[in-house]
C-alpha atoms as a PDB file:
ATOM      1  CA  MET A   1      14.183-192.383 117.301  1.00  0.00           C
ATOM      2  CA  ASN A   2      14.790-188.838 118.551  1.00  0.00           C
ATOM      3  CA  ILE A   3      18.028-188.711 116.586  1.00  0.00           C
ATOM      4  CA  ARG A   4      16.152-189.690 113.415  1.00  0.00           C
ATOM      5  CA  ILE A   5      13.538-187.010 114.042  1.00  0.00           C
ATOM      6  CA  HIS A   6      16.220-184.388 114.594  1.00  0.00           C
ATOM      7  CA  LEU A   7      18.023-185.464 111.445  1.00  0.00           C
ATOM      8  CA  CYS A   8      14.809-185.259 109.439  1.00  0.00           C
ATOM      9  CA  LEU A   9      14.057-181.800 110.818  1.00  0.00           C
ATOM     10  CA  ALA A  10      17.596-180.653 110.060  1.00  0.00           C
ATOM     11  CA  LEU A  11      17.338-181.995 106.521  1.00  0.00           C
ATOM     12  CA  TRP A  12      13.955-180.333 106.035  1.00  0.00           C
ATOM     13  CA  PHE A  13      15.340-177.010 107.289  1.00  0.00           C
ATOM     14  CA  PHE A  14      18.359-177.331 104.998  1.00  0.00           C
ATOM     15  CA  CYS A  15      16.154-177.992 101.971  1.00  0.00           C
ATOM     16  CA  ILE A  16      13.957-174.988 102.780  1.00  0.00           C
ATOM     17  CA  CYS A  17      17.017-172.757 103.095  1.00  0.00           C
ATOM     18  CA  ALA A  18      18.532-174.128  99.900  1.00  0.00           C
ATOM     19  CA  LYS A  19      15.336-173.615  97.952  1.00  0.00           C
ATOM     20  CA  SER A  20      14.994-170.072  99.269  1.00  0.00           C
ATOM     21  CA  GLN A  21      18.390-169.351  97.742  1.00  0.00           C
ATOM     22  CA  ILE A  22      17.659-171.121  94.471  1.00  0.00           C
ATOM     23  CA  TYR A  23      14.061-170.192  93.814  1.00  0.00           C
ATOM     24  CA  PRO A  24      13.484-166.739  92.298  1.00  0.00           C
ATOM     25  CA  ASN A  25      10.850-164.694  94.113  1.00  0.00           C
ATOM     26  CA  LEU A  26       7.459-164.652  92.399  1.00  0.00           C
ATOM     27  CA  ILE A  27       6.520-161.098  93.318  1.00  0.00           C
ATOM     28  CA  CYS A  28       5.950-158.015  91.186  1.00  0.00           C
ATOM     29  CA  ASP A  29       8.718-155.987  92.851  1.00  0.00           C
ATOM     30  CA  GLN A  30      12.132-157.184  91.664  1.00  0.00           C
ATOM     31  CA  SER A  31      13.924-153.899  92.390  1.00  0.00           C
ATOM     32  CA  THR A  32      16.454-155.398  94.822  1.00  0.00           C
ATOM     33  CA  LEU A  33      17.761-158.057  92.425  1.00  0.00           C
ATOM     34  CA  THR A  34      21.451-158.176  91.576  1.00  0.00           C
ATOM     35  CA  VAL A  35      21.720-158.063  87.790  1.00  0.00           C
ATOM     36  CA  ASN A  36      24.444-160.291  86.354  1.00  0.00           C
ATOM     37  CA  HIS A  37      24.106-159.492  82.667  1.00  0.00           C
ATOM     38  CA  VAL A  38      22.548-156.576  80.790  1.00  0.00           C
ATOM     39  CA  PHE A  39      21.580-156.743  77.121  1.00  0.00           C
ATOM     40  CA  TYR A  40      21.543-153.173  75.863  1.00  0.00           C
ATOM     41  CA  PRO A  41      19.402-151.629  73.087  1.00  0.00           C
ATOM     42  CA  ASN A  42      19.913-152.861  69.517  1.00  0.00           C
ATOM     43  CA  THR A  43      21.352-156.161  70.742  1.00  0.00           C
ATOM     44  CA  ILE A  44      20.550-159.338  68.843  1.00  0.00           C
ATOM     45  CA  THR A  45      22.397-162.291  70.284  1.00  0.00           C
ATOM     46  CA  ASN A  46      22.517-165.920  71.250  1.00  0.00           C
ATOM     47  CA  TYR A  47      23.217-166.602  74.907  1.00  0.00           C
ATOM     48  CA  THR A  48      24.318-169.931  76.348  1.00  0.00           C
ATOM     49  CA  VAL A  49      24.526-170.549  80.093  1.00  0.00           C
ATOM     50  CA  MET A  50      26.951-173.230  81.181  1.00  0.00           C
ATOM     51  CA  GLY A  51      27.318-174.275  84.800  1.00  0.00           C
ATOM     52  CA  MET A  52      26.615-170.938  86.460  1.00  0.00           C
ATOM     53  CA  SER A  53      24.740-170.389  89.705  1.00  0.00           C
ATOM     54  CA  MET A  54      21.573-168.322  89.758  1.00  0.00           C
ATOM     55  CA  ARG A  55      21.779-165.494  87.232  1.00  0.00           C
ATOM     56  CA  CYS A  56      19.687-162.436  86.491  1.00  0.00           C
ATOM     57  CA  PHE A  57      19.448-161.302  82.857  1.00  0.00           C
ATOM     58  CA  TYR A  58      18.157-157.808  82.133  1.00  0.00           C
ATOM     59  CA  LEU A  59      16.965-156.927  78.613  1.00  0.00           C
ATOM     60  CA  CYS A  60      17.175-153.137  78.500  1.00  0.00           C
ATOM     61  CA  GLY A  61      15.511-152.400  75.168  1.00  0.00           C
ATOM     62  CA  PRO A  62      14.024-151.387  73.000  1.00  0.00           C
ATOM     63  CA  ASN A  63      15.077-153.480  69.991  1.00  0.00           C
ATOM     64  CA  THR A  64      16.765-156.146  72.082  1.00  0.00           C
ATOM     65  CA  THR A  65      16.318-159.789  71.084  1.00  0.00           C
ATOM     66  CA  VAL A  66      17.986-162.673  72.902  1.00  0.00           C
ATOM     67  CA  TYR A  67      17.917-166.246  71.623  1.00  0.00           C
ATOM     68  CA  ASP A  68      18.431-168.340  74.742  1.00  0.00           C
ATOM     69  CA  THR A  69      20.264-171.611  74.185  1.00  0.00           C
ATOM     70  CA  SER A  70      20.767-172.573  77.827  1.00  0.00           C
ATOM     71  CA  PHE A  71      20.899-176.256  78.658  1.00  0.00           C
ATOM     72  CA  THR A  72      22.325-176.696  82.166  1.00  0.00           C
ATOM     73  CA  TRP A  73      19.705-177.946  84.609  1.00  0.00           C
ATOM     74  CA  TYR A  74      21.265-176.553  87.806  1.00  0.00           C
ATOM     75  CA  SER A  75      21.616-172.891  86.845  1.00  0.00           C
ATOM     76  CA  CYS A  76      18.484-171.015  87.924  1.00  0.00           C
ATOM     77  CA  ARG A  77      17.740-167.725  86.220  1.00  0.00           C
ATOM     78  CA  VAL A  78      15.641-164.620  86.471  1.00  0.00           C
ATOM     79  CA  VAL A  79      14.950-162.860  83.174  1.00  0.00           C
ATOM     80  CA  LEU A  80      13.701-159.263  83.183  1.00  0.00           C
ATOM     81  CA  ILE A  81      12.199-158.255  79.835  1.00  0.00           C
ATOM     82  CA  ASN A  82      11.618-154.559  79.232  1.00  0.00           C
ATOM     83  CA  SER A  83       9.208-152.976  76.778  1.00  0.00           C
ATOM     84  CA  GLY A  84      10.274-153.558  73.167  1.00  0.00           C
ATOM     85  CA  CYS A  85      12.431-156.583  74.036  1.00  0.00           C
ATOM     86  CA  HIS A  86      11.987-160.201  72.966  1.00  0.00           C
ATOM     87  CA  PHE A  87      13.355-163.239  74.833  1.00  0.00           C
ATOM     88  CA  ILE A  88      13.173-166.540  72.933  1.00  0.00           C
ATOM     89  CA  THR A  89      13.990-169.739  74.800  1.00  0.00           C
ATOM     90  CA  ASP A  90      14.006-173.494  74.244  1.00  0.00           C
ATOM     91  CA  SER A  91      14.381-174.807  77.773  1.00  0.00           C
ATOM     92  CA  PRO A  92      14.722-173.757  81.394  1.00  0.00           C
ATOM     93  CA  SER A  93      18.144-174.194  82.935  1.00  0.00           C
ATOM     94  CA  CYS A  94      17.035-174.691  86.533  1.00  0.00           C
ATOM     95  CA  GLN A  95      16.216-177.897  88.416  1.00  0.00           C
ATOM     96  CA  TYR A  96      13.282-176.011  89.982  1.00  0.00           C
ATOM     97  CA  TYR A  97      12.081-173.230  87.688  1.00  0.00           C
ATOM     98  CA  ASP A  98      13.220-170.144  85.815  1.00  0.00           C
ATOM     99  CA  ALA A  99      11.290-166.972  86.631  1.00  0.00           C
ATOM    100  CA  ILE A 100      10.642-164.588  83.755  1.00  0.00           C
ATOM    101  CA  TYR A 101       9.178-161.092  84.145  1.00  0.00           C
ATOM    102  CA  VAL A 102       7.711-159.275  81.130  1.00  0.00           C
ATOM    103  CA  LYS A 103       6.808-155.590  81.073  1.00  0.00           C
ATOM    104  CA  ASN A 104       4.058-154.104  78.882  1.00  0.00           C
ATOM    105  CA  ASN A 105       4.937-154.406  75.170  1.00  0.00           C
ATOM    106  CA  GLY A 106       7.710-156.872  75.955  1.00  0.00           C
ATOM    107  CA  THR A 107       7.597-160.351  74.412  1.00  0.00           C
ATOM    108  CA  LEU A 108       8.456-163.820  75.685  1.00  0.00           C
ATOM    109  CA  THR A 109       8.454-166.860  73.408  1.00  0.00           C
ATOM    110  CA  ILE A 110       8.842-170.359  74.870  1.00  0.00           C
ATOM    111  CA  ASN A 111       9.409-172.733  71.977  1.00  0.00           C
ATOM    112  CA  ALA A 112       7.417-175.944  71.716  1.00  0.00           C
ATOM    113  CA  SER A 113      10.543-178.044  72.338  1.00  0.00           C
ATOM    114  CA  ALA A 114      10.917-176.631  75.858  1.00  0.00           C
ATOM    115  CA  ASN A 115       9.765-178.064  79.172  1.00  0.00           C
ATOM    116  CA  GLY A 116       7.052-175.510  79.814  1.00  0.00           C
ATOM    117  CA  GLY A 117       6.561-176.663  83.393  1.00  0.00           C
ATOM    118  CA  GLY A 118       9.995-175.275  84.221  1.00  0.00           C
ATOM    119  CA  PHE A 119       8.887-171.653  83.679  1.00  0.00           C
ATOM    120  CA  LYS A 120       6.981-169.309  85.961  1.00  0.00           C
ATOM    121  CA  ILE A 121       6.058-166.047  84.271  1.00  0.00           C
ATOM    122  CA  MET A 122       5.027-162.714  85.763  1.00  0.00           C
ATOM    123  CA  TYR A 123       3.748-160.200  83.227  1.00  0.00           C
ATOM    124  CA  GLU A 124       2.060-156.825  82.877  1.00  0.00           C
ATOM    125  CA  PRO A 125      -1.337-156.654  81.100  1.00  0.00           C
ATOM    126  CA  THR A 126      -0.139-155.751  77.579  1.00  0.00           C
ATOM    127  CA  ALA A 127       2.928-157.992  77.558  1.00  0.00           C
ATOM    128  CA  THR A 128       2.996-160.803  74.984  1.00  0.00           C
ATOM    129  CA  VAL A 129       3.632-164.348  76.235  1.00  0.00           C
ATOM    130  CA  ASN A 130       3.914-166.987  73.518  1.00  0.00           C
ATOM    131  CA  ASP A 131       3.981-170.249  75.463  1.00  0.00           C
ATOM    132  CA  LEU A 132       4.098-172.805  72.657  1.00  0.00           C
ATOM    133  CA  THR A 133       4.241-175.616  75.226  1.00  0.00           C
ATOM    134  CA  GLY A 134       0.965-174.625  76.856  1.00  0.00           C
ATOM    135  CA  SER A 135       2.220-175.675  80.277  1.00  0.00           C
ATOM    136  CA  ALA A 136       4.077-172.689  81.754  1.00  0.00           C
ATOM    137  CA  THR A 137       2.634-171.128  84.904  1.00  0.00           C
ATOM    138  CA  THR A 138       1.672-167.462  84.543  1.00  0.00           C
ATOM    139  CA  TYR A 139       0.847-164.661  86.969  1.00  0.00           C
ATOM    140  CA  THR A 140      -0.240-161.103  86.262  1.00  0.00           C
ATOM    141  CA  CYS A 141       1.064-157.865  87.766  1.00  0.00           C
ATOM    142  CA  SER A 142      -0.568-154.480  87.353  1.00  0.00           C
ATOM    143  CA  SER A 143       2.966-153.092  87.428  1.00  0.00           C
ATOM    144  CA  LEU A 144       6.375-154.763  87.517  1.00  0.00           C
ATOM    145  CA  ILE A 145       9.238-152.987  89.262  1.00  0.00           C
ATOM    146  CA  PHE A 146      12.695-153.704  87.874  1.00  0.00           C
ATOM    147  CA  PRO A 147      16.138-152.720  89.216  1.00  0.00           C
ATOM    148  CA  THR A 148      17.394-149.306  88.117  1.00  0.00           C
ATOM    149  CA  ILE A 149      19.597-149.872  85.063  1.00  0.00           C
ATOM    150  CA  ASN A 150      20.948-147.242  82.651  1.00  0.00           C
ATOM    151  CA  CYS A 151      19.508-148.301  79.310  1.00  0.00           C
ATOM    152  CA  ASN A 152      20.669-145.185  77.481  1.00  0.00           C
ATOM    153  CA  ASP A 153      23.894-146.826  76.368  1.00  0.00           C
ATOM    154  CA  VAL A 154      23.160-147.705  72.733  1.00  0.00           C
ATOM    155  CA  GLY A 155      26.408-149.604  72.322  1.00  0.00           C
ATOM    156  CA  LEU A 156      26.331-153.315  71.671  1.00  0.00           C
ATOM    157  CA  ARG A 157      27.608-155.475  74.500  1.00  0.00           C
ATOM    158  CA  ASN A 158      29.341-158.574  73.143  1.00  0.00           C
ATOM    159  CA  VAL A 159      28.258-161.813  74.790  1.00  0.00           C
ATOM    160  CA  ASN A 160      30.943-163.953  73.217  1.00  0.00           C
ATOM    161  CA  GLN A 161      34.293-162.571  74.333  1.00  0.00           C
ATOM    162  CA  SER A 162      37.231-163.301  72.065  1.00  0.00           C
ATOM    163  CA  GLU A 163      40.959-162.810  72.274  1.00  0.00           C
ATOM    164  CA  GLU A 164      41.117-162.673  68.501  1.00  0.00           C
ATOM    165  CA  LYS A 165      41.794-159.211  67.135  1.00  0.00           C
ATOM    166  CA  ILE A 166      39.060-157.905  64.857  1.00  0.00           C
ATOM    167  CA  ALA A 167      38.908-154.398  63.394  1.00  0.00           C
ATOM    168  CA  VAL A 168      35.706-153.195  61.707  1.00  0.00           C
ATOM    169  CA  TYR A 169      35.777-149.784  59.988  1.00  0.00           C
ATOM    170  CA  PRO A 170      34.592-147.248  59.083  1.00  0.00           C
ATOM    171  CA  ASN A 171      31.588-147.116  61.385  1.00  0.00           C
ATOM    172  CA  PRO A 172      29.325-145.306  60.528  1.00  0.00           C
ATOM    173  CA  VAL A 173      29.721-146.528  56.955  1.00  0.00           C
ATOM    174  CA  THR A 174      28.223-145.400  53.644  1.00  0.00           C
ATOM    175  CA  SER A 175      29.336-148.194  51.326  1.00  0.00           C
ATOM    176  CA  ILE A 176      32.398-150.427  51.903  1.00  0.00           C
ATOM    177  CA  LEU A 177      32.876-151.936  55.368  1.00  0.00           C
ATOM    178  CA  ASN A 178      36.386-153.242  56.072  1.00  0.00           C
ATOM    179  CA  ILE A 179      37.046-156.178  58.393  1.00  0.00           C
ATOM    180  CA  SER A 180      40.646-156.848  59.403  1.00  0.00           C
ATOM    181  CA  SER A 181      41.547-159.943  61.382  1.00  0.00           C
ATOM    182  CA  ASN A 182      44.556-161.957  62.492  1.00  0.00           C
ATOM    183  CA  LEU A 183      42.662-165.104  61.508  1.00  0.00           C
ATOM    184  CA  ALA A 184      43.317-166.949  58.282  1.00  0.00           C
ATOM    185  CA  GLU A 185      39.643-167.165  57.332  1.00  0.00           C
ATOM    186  CA  ILE A 186      36.464-165.516  58.580  1.00  0.00           C
ATOM    187  CA  ASN A 187      32.797-165.405  57.536  1.00  0.00           C
ATOM    188  CA  THR A 188      30.168-162.803  58.261  1.00  0.00           C
ATOM    189  CA  LYS A 189      26.428-162.386  58.662  1.00  0.00           C
ATOM    190  CA  LEU A 190      24.493-159.140  58.845  1.00  0.00           C
ATOM    191  CA  PHE A 191      21.083-158.618  60.479  1.00  0.00           C
ATOM    192  CA  ASP A 192      18.698-155.705  60.766  1.00  0.00           C
ATOM    193  CA  VAL A 193      17.284-154.736  64.173  1.00  0.00           C
ATOM    194  CA  THR A 194      14.340-157.128  63.740  1.00  0.00           C
ATOM    195  CA  GLY A 195      16.697-160.089  63.365  1.00  0.00           C
ATOM    196  CA  LYS A 196      16.230-160.490  59.601  1.00  0.00           C
ATOM    197  CA  GLU A 197      19.427-161.588  57.855  1.00  0.00           C
ATOM    198  CA  MET A 198      20.588-159.309  55.068  1.00  0.00           C
ATOM    199  CA  LYS A 199      21.956-160.612  51.784  1.00  0.00           C
ATOM    200  CA  ILE A 200      25.573-159.480  51.591  1.00  0.00           C
ATOM    201  CA  SER A 201      28.708-160.634  49.831  1.00  0.00           C
ATOM    202  CA  MET A 202      32.207-160.484  51.261  1.00  0.00           C
ATOM    203  CA  PHE A 203      35.293-160.069  49.132  1.00  0.00           C
ATOM    204  CA  ILE A 204      38.994-159.483  49.723  1.00  0.00           C
ATOM    205  CA  GLU A 205      40.692-156.247  48.650  1.00  0.00           C
ATOM    206  CA  ASP A 206      44.206-155.160  49.676  1.00  0.00           C
ATOM    207  CA  SER A 207      44.403-158.077  52.147  1.00  0.00           C
ATOM    208  CA  LYS A 208      41.230-156.870  53.899  1.00  0.00           C
ATOM    209  CA  ASN A 209      37.825-158.530  54.013  1.00  0.00           C
ATOM    210  CA  GLN A 210      35.268-156.096  52.689  1.00  0.00           C
ATOM    211  CA  ILE A 211      31.475-155.928  52.486  1.00  0.00           C
ATOM    212  CA  ASP A 212      29.556-153.638  50.156  1.00  0.00           C
ATOM    213  CA  LEU A 213      26.693-152.151  52.177  1.00  0.00           C
ATOM    214  CA  SER A 214      25.713-149.514  49.618  1.00  0.00           C
ATOM    215  CA  PRO A 215      22.512-151.383  48.547  1.00  0.00           C
ATOM    216  CA  LEU A 216      21.171-151.332  52.121  1.00  0.00           C
ATOM    217  CA  LYS A 217      18.912-148.680  53.592  1.00  0.00           C
ATOM    218  CA  LYS A 218      20.221-146.284  56.206  1.00  0.00           C
ATOM    219  CA  GLY A 219      19.887-147.601  59.729  1.00  0.00           C
ATOM    220  CA  ILE A 220      21.362-149.863  62.385  1.00  0.00           C
ATOM    221  CA  TYR A 221      22.576-153.378  61.604  1.00  0.00           C
ATOM    222  CA  ILE A 222      24.253-156.134  63.581  1.00  0.00           C
ATOM    223  CA  LEU A 223      27.387-157.706  62.120  1.00  0.00           C
ATOM    224  CA  GLU A 224      28.433-161.184  63.243  1.00  0.00           C
ATOM    225  CA  VAL A 225      31.930-162.443  62.443  1.00  0.00           C
ATOM    226  CA  TYR A 226      32.550-166.200  62.446  1.00  0.00           C
ATOM    227  CA  SER A 227      35.615-168.398  62.455  1.00  0.00           C
ATOM    228  CA  ASN A 228      35.279-172.195  62.274  1.00  0.00           C
ATOM    229  CA  ASN A 229      31.503-171.815  62.747  1.00  0.00           C
ATOM    230  CA  PHE A 230      31.940-169.949  66.074  1.00  0.00           C
ATOM    231  CA  ILE A 231      30.943-166.320  66.609  1.00  0.00           C
ATOM    232  CA  ILE A 232      34.090-164.385  67.499  1.00  0.00           C
ATOM    233  CA  GLU A 233      32.734-160.857  67.210  1.00  0.00           C
ATOM    234  CA  ARG A 234      29.398-159.053  67.189  1.00  0.00           C
ATOM    235  CA  ARG A 235      29.198-155.361  66.308  1.00  0.00           C
ATOM    236  CA  LYS A 236      26.565-152.705  65.837  1.00  0.00           C
ATOM    237  CA  ILE A 237      26.986-151.121  62.401  1.00  0.00           C
ATOM    238  CA  ILE A 238      25.476-147.755  61.469  1.00  0.00           C
ATOM    239  CA  LYS A 239      24.723-147.434  57.744  1.00  0.00           C
ATOM    240  CA  GLU A 240      24.537-143.833  56.557  1.00  0.00           C
END
């Protein structure tokens, strides 16, 4: 009997320790977190988590939108959403819960297809939380404290790394954007900073894929290059 009691106590202690490592802390001060991935300003991307241990995603902002397509149930995450950023998700990836922190003027959208019970959300008073499931657990913070991250880098950080060689030039561009690739066939999509897809046409000239951007307004756009329906490159394009 004593052996059984000791085994039960040992198992209970192990579970507590394991959960303490897996569960994100539901407190307003997250300054000591180790950040695994930073989405910089002007980033519009899809992000898929596959089989990773607990991760911390940091949306720097502003003008950062991440479409979360995670589906692994054993990869717990912390998502830090800064002002001007938007995190859109379909499902939590953790067997316990994903913790999401939203600063003032940041936006979180949990789509109706998600398991809302798998989210615990901490947010500042003027943050926007669109829980379309109606079942996520929310907490308020007068002020959230995030880790110190340099968000002044306006470059686009590619999420999908590729060994394929893609050259996009000139950038900034006034009219014709050239795309050179070692692939036999590529397709492209272009988005503005709000995520709206632009109507563009690609043609081939002098063995280069080209896009005429002259009809577009000046500003920042996101170019996605596809091969066989997979994104192989994502670039920030400056239209002058």
